[in-house]
N, C-alpha and C. Protein backbone atom coordinates (compact mmCIF):
# COMPACT_ATOMS: atom_id res chain seq x y z
N MET A 1 -33.30 -8.13 35.62
CA MET A 1 -34.09 -9.20 35.43
C MET A 1 -33.75 -9.74 34.17
N SER A 2 -33.97 -11.14 34.01
CA SER A 2 -33.49 -11.80 32.71
C SER A 2 -34.50 -11.41 31.62
N GLU A 3 -34.08 -11.66 30.53
CA GLU A 3 -35.05 -11.51 29.37
C GLU A 3 -36.34 -12.38 29.39
N THR A 4 -36.03 -13.63 29.98
CA THR A 4 -37.08 -14.46 29.77
C THR A 4 -38.17 -14.14 30.77
N PHE A 5 -37.92 -13.50 31.80
CA PHE A 5 -39.01 -13.20 32.72
C PHE A 5 -38.94 -11.78 33.10
N GLY A 6 -39.09 -10.96 32.44
CA GLY A 6 -39.05 -9.55 32.57
C GLY A 6 -40.27 -8.71 32.00
N GLY A 7 -40.35 -7.68 32.35
CA GLY A 7 -41.45 -6.77 31.67
C GLY A 7 -42.89 -7.15 31.63
N ARG A 8 -43.37 -7.52 30.62
CA ARG A 8 -44.82 -7.77 30.49
C ARG A 8 -44.96 -9.25 30.99
N SER A 9 -44.20 -10.02 30.81
CA SER A 9 -44.18 -11.43 31.42
C SER A 9 -44.30 -11.54 32.79
N PHE A 10 -43.48 -10.61 33.52
CA PHE A 10 -43.63 -10.54 34.75
C PHE A 10 -44.99 -10.06 35.44
N VAL A 11 -45.41 -8.83 34.85
CA VAL A 11 -46.83 -8.61 35.10
C VAL A 11 -47.82 -9.37 34.98
N VAL A 12 -47.74 -10.30 33.76
CA VAL A 12 -48.91 -10.85 33.35
C VAL A 12 -48.68 -12.17 34.48
N GLY A 13 -47.63 -12.74 34.83
CA GLY A 13 -47.35 -13.65 35.92
C GLY A 13 -47.82 -13.43 37.30
N PHE A 14 -47.65 -12.21 37.59
CA PHE A 14 -48.01 -11.53 39.04
C PHE A 14 -49.37 -11.42 38.97
N TYR A 15 -49.99 -11.17 37.91
CA TYR A 15 -51.62 -11.10 37.71
C TYR A 15 -52.01 -12.38 37.86
N GLY A 16 -51.43 -13.51 37.23
CA GLY A 16 -52.19 -14.93 37.36
C GLY A 16 -51.80 -15.20 38.83
N LEU A 17 -50.68 -14.88 39.59
CA LEU A 17 -50.46 -15.38 41.05
C LEU A 17 -51.53 -14.70 41.94
N ILE A 18 -51.92 -13.46 41.56
CA ILE A 18 -52.94 -12.65 42.55
C ILE A 18 -54.40 -13.48 42.49
N VAL A 19 -54.58 -13.79 40.88
CA VAL A 19 -55.89 -14.32 40.51
C VAL A 19 -55.96 -15.81 41.33
N ALA A 20 -54.97 -16.44 41.24
CA ALA A 20 -55.07 -18.00 42.01
C ALA A 20 -54.96 -17.97 43.32
N LEU A 21 -54.19 -16.86 43.99
CA LEU A 21 -54.38 -16.66 45.41
C LEU A 21 -55.76 -16.10 46.04
N THR A 22 -56.39 -15.64 45.10
CA THR A 22 -57.83 -15.01 45.44
C THR A 22 -58.71 -16.32 45.45
N GLY A 23 -58.53 -17.21 44.61
CA GLY A 23 -59.42 -18.47 44.35
C GLY A 23 -58.91 -19.46 45.76
N VAL A 24 -57.66 -19.64 46.20
CA VAL A 24 -57.17 -20.33 47.39
C VAL A 24 -57.83 -19.66 48.59
N VAL A 25 -57.92 -18.23 48.63
CA VAL A 25 -58.58 -17.59 49.78
C VAL A 25 -59.93 -17.70 49.86
N GLY A 26 -60.75 -17.89 48.52
CA GLY A 26 -62.06 -18.12 48.61
C GLY A 26 -62.44 -19.51 49.00
N ALA A 27 -61.56 -20.53 48.69
CA ALA A 27 -61.92 -21.80 48.88
C ALA A 27 -61.75 -21.90 50.52
N MET A 28 -60.67 -21.44 51.10
CA MET A 28 -60.27 -21.37 52.39
C MET A 28 -61.54 -20.80 53.32
N LEU A 29 -61.93 -19.72 52.79
CA LEU A 29 -63.30 -19.10 53.25
C LEU A 29 -64.44 -19.87 53.48
N GLY A 30 -64.66 -20.80 52.37
CA GLY A 30 -65.64 -21.46 52.02
C GLY A 30 -65.70 -22.79 53.19
N VAL A 31 -64.40 -23.06 53.41
CA VAL A 31 -64.13 -24.40 54.23
C VAL A 31 -64.28 -23.85 55.55
N ALA A 32 -63.41 -22.81 56.15
CA ALA A 32 -63.30 -22.53 57.49
C ALA A 32 -64.11 -21.07 57.99
N GLY A 33 -64.79 -20.46 57.05
CA GLY A 33 -65.45 -19.34 57.27
C GLY A 33 -66.67 -19.49 58.23
N PRO A 34 -67.56 -18.41 58.32
CA PRO A 34 -68.71 -18.58 59.36
C PRO A 34 -69.97 -19.49 58.41
N ARG A 35 -70.66 -20.16 59.12
CA ARG A 35 -71.66 -20.90 58.46
C ARG A 35 -72.88 -20.15 58.04
N ASP A 36 -73.05 -18.97 58.48
CA ASP A 36 -74.27 -18.09 58.20
C ASP A 36 -73.96 -17.15 56.94
N LEU A 37 -72.92 -17.63 56.10
CA LEU A 37 -72.86 -16.86 54.84
C LEU A 37 -73.80 -17.01 53.64
N THR A 38 -74.33 -15.79 53.08
CA THR A 38 -75.36 -15.94 52.28
C THR A 38 -74.85 -16.28 50.74
N SER A 39 -75.58 -16.65 49.93
CA SER A 39 -75.43 -16.69 48.58
C SER A 39 -74.61 -15.28 47.95
N VAL A 40 -73.88 -15.41 47.16
CA VAL A 40 -73.33 -14.40 46.46
C VAL A 40 -73.80 -14.33 44.68
N LYS A 41 -73.88 -13.05 44.37
CA LYS A 41 -74.28 -13.12 42.81
C LYS A 41 -73.07 -12.80 41.99
N LEU A 42 -72.57 -13.74 41.30
CA LEU A 42 -71.45 -13.42 40.53
C LEU A 42 -71.94 -12.31 39.10
N LEU A 43 -71.17 -11.16 39.32
CA LEU A 43 -71.70 -9.90 38.19
C LEU A 43 -73.05 -9.72 38.35
N GLY A 44 -73.79 -9.96 39.29
CA GLY A 44 -75.31 -9.65 39.40
C GLY A 44 -76.09 -10.69 38.51
N LEU A 45 -75.52 -11.68 38.26
CA LEU A 45 -76.34 -12.59 37.29
C LEU A 45 -76.53 -14.06 37.63
N ILE A 46 -75.34 -14.53 38.26
CA ILE A 46 -75.32 -15.95 38.50
C ILE A 46 -75.22 -16.03 39.92
N GLU A 47 -76.13 -16.85 40.58
CA GLU A 47 -76.07 -17.10 42.13
C GLU A 47 -75.14 -17.94 42.38
N LEU A 48 -74.21 -17.95 43.12
CA LEU A 48 -73.36 -18.78 43.83
C LEU A 48 -73.44 -19.22 45.29
N ALA A 49 -73.87 -20.58 45.59
CA ALA A 49 -73.75 -20.79 47.15
C ALA A 49 -72.46 -20.77 47.63
N PRO A 50 -72.38 -20.36 49.14
CA PRO A 50 -70.96 -20.12 49.77
C PRO A 50 -70.25 -21.44 50.12
N THR A 51 -70.07 -22.18 49.18
CA THR A 51 -69.24 -23.49 49.25
C THR A 51 -67.97 -22.85 48.98
N PRO A 52 -66.93 -23.83 49.19
CA PRO A 52 -65.64 -23.53 48.85
C PRO A 52 -65.46 -23.36 47.22
N LEU A 53 -65.90 -24.03 46.55
CA LEU A 53 -66.11 -23.93 45.13
C LEU A 53 -66.59 -22.64 44.70
N GLY A 54 -67.91 -22.37 45.24
CA GLY A 54 -68.56 -21.25 44.82
C GLY A 54 -67.83 -19.92 45.10
N LEU A 55 -67.29 -19.85 46.27
CA LEU A 55 -66.53 -18.61 46.79
C LEU A 55 -65.16 -18.70 45.91
N ALA A 56 -64.62 -19.81 45.53
CA ALA A 56 -63.38 -19.63 44.74
C ALA A 56 -63.58 -19.04 43.59
N VAL A 57 -64.75 -19.46 42.84
CA VAL A 57 -65.22 -18.95 41.55
C VAL A 57 -65.48 -17.53 41.79
N TYR A 58 -66.26 -17.20 42.49
CA TYR A 58 -66.60 -15.50 42.77
C TYR A 58 -65.29 -14.74 42.94
N GLY A 59 -64.37 -15.18 43.68
CA GLY A 59 -63.11 -14.57 43.95
C GLY A 59 -62.15 -14.28 42.66
N VAL A 60 -62.07 -15.42 41.96
CA VAL A 60 -61.42 -15.81 40.77
C VAL A 60 -61.71 -14.73 39.79
N VAL A 61 -63.31 -14.60 39.35
CA VAL A 61 -64.07 -14.00 38.18
C VAL A 61 -63.67 -12.65 38.80
N THR A 62 -64.18 -12.07 40.00
CA THR A 62 -64.29 -10.79 40.16
C THR A 62 -62.87 -10.03 40.30
N VAL A 63 -62.09 -10.79 41.02
CA VAL A 63 -60.76 -10.08 40.88
C VAL A 63 -59.91 -10.26 39.62
N GLY A 64 -60.22 -11.30 39.06
CA GLY A 64 -59.42 -11.31 37.47
C GLY A 64 -60.07 -10.45 36.62
N LEU A 65 -61.42 -10.12 36.54
CA LEU A 65 -61.98 -8.97 35.73
C LEU A 65 -61.48 -7.46 36.29
N ALA A 66 -61.51 -7.47 37.46
CA ALA A 66 -61.18 -6.13 37.84
C ALA A 66 -59.58 -5.82 37.87
N LEU A 67 -59.05 -6.75 37.82
CA LEU A 67 -57.47 -6.33 37.43
C LEU A 67 -57.25 -6.53 36.05
N GLY A 68 -57.86 -7.75 35.31
CA GLY A 68 -57.62 -7.99 34.17
C GLY A 68 -57.97 -6.99 33.18
N VAL A 69 -58.97 -6.37 33.19
CA VAL A 69 -59.46 -5.32 32.12
C VAL A 69 -58.64 -4.00 32.04
N PRO A 70 -58.15 -3.62 33.13
CA PRO A 70 -57.14 -2.51 33.09
C PRO A 70 -55.79 -2.98 32.51
N LEU A 71 -55.47 -4.11 32.85
CA LEU A 71 -54.07 -4.70 32.42
C LEU A 71 -54.19 -4.86 31.04
N ALA A 72 -55.38 -5.52 30.50
CA ALA A 72 -55.48 -5.62 28.98
C ALA A 72 -55.40 -3.96 28.24
N LEU A 73 -55.94 -3.16 29.02
CA LEU A 73 -56.17 -1.82 28.44
C LEU A 73 -54.62 -1.30 28.35
N VAL A 74 -54.00 -1.38 29.30
CA VAL A 74 -52.48 -0.89 29.52
C VAL A 74 -51.66 -1.73 28.41
N VAL A 75 -51.72 -2.90 28.28
CA VAL A 75 -50.98 -3.83 27.19
C VAL A 75 -51.38 -3.35 25.76
N LEU A 76 -52.57 -2.99 25.64
CA LEU A 76 -53.14 -2.57 24.24
C LEU A 76 -52.50 -1.23 23.90
N VAL A 77 -52.91 -0.36 24.83
CA VAL A 77 -52.09 0.97 24.66
C VAL A 77 -50.57 0.99 24.55
N SER A 78 -49.93 -0.03 25.36
CA SER A 78 -48.47 0.00 25.28
C SER A 78 -48.01 -0.58 23.92
N GLU A 79 -48.61 -1.57 23.35
CA GLU A 79 -48.56 -2.02 21.99
C GLU A 79 -48.69 -0.80 20.91
N MET A 80 -49.94 -0.15 21.00
CA MET A 80 -50.20 0.99 20.18
C MET A 80 -49.01 2.11 20.16
N ALA A 81 -48.47 2.25 21.21
CA ALA A 81 -47.39 3.13 21.53
C ALA A 81 -46.08 2.66 20.69
N ASP A 82 -45.83 1.56 20.87
CA ASP A 82 -44.60 0.69 20.48
C ASP A 82 -44.70 0.70 18.88
N ALA A 83 -46.03 0.55 18.34
CA ALA A 83 -46.09 0.51 16.99
C ALA A 83 -45.97 2.14 16.24
N GLU A 84 -46.27 3.03 17.04
CA GLU A 84 -46.37 4.55 16.67
C GLU A 84 -44.60 4.95 16.53
N HIS A 85 -44.04 4.47 17.48
CA HIS A 85 -42.36 4.71 17.67
C HIS A 85 -41.86 3.57 17.92
N PRO A 86 -41.53 2.71 16.70
CA PRO A 86 -40.79 1.61 16.87
C PRO A 86 -39.37 1.69 16.89
N ASP A 87 -38.68 3.06 16.37
CA ASP A 87 -37.28 3.13 16.67
C ASP A 87 -36.73 3.75 17.96
N GLU A 88 -37.59 4.26 18.78
CA GLU A 88 -37.40 4.74 20.09
C GLU A 88 -37.16 3.74 21.01
N ASN A 89 -37.88 2.47 21.00
CA ASN A 89 -37.61 1.47 21.83
C ASN A 89 -36.59 0.45 21.94
N SER A 90 -35.70 0.80 20.85
CA SER A 90 -34.45 -0.12 20.55
C SER A 90 -33.42 -0.08 21.43
């Protein structure tokens, strides 16, 4: 892979793509899904109507957090490991 789109930038870009696709699928479900959907609670706090926007927001936030928190932890640990052993990564 090229230096401009390799390693960390690829993973973050792929994460963004997955989160965006989740929003699109949520919106499509809101448009073409069953009409008897019930409201969903975002993080157990905010009630969202089963509209295209509501389901897209629900999908983006839940998948974004479910994948983003572990990804952020991996990036943090990676940076800490790089800081401890800077000469091994050249």
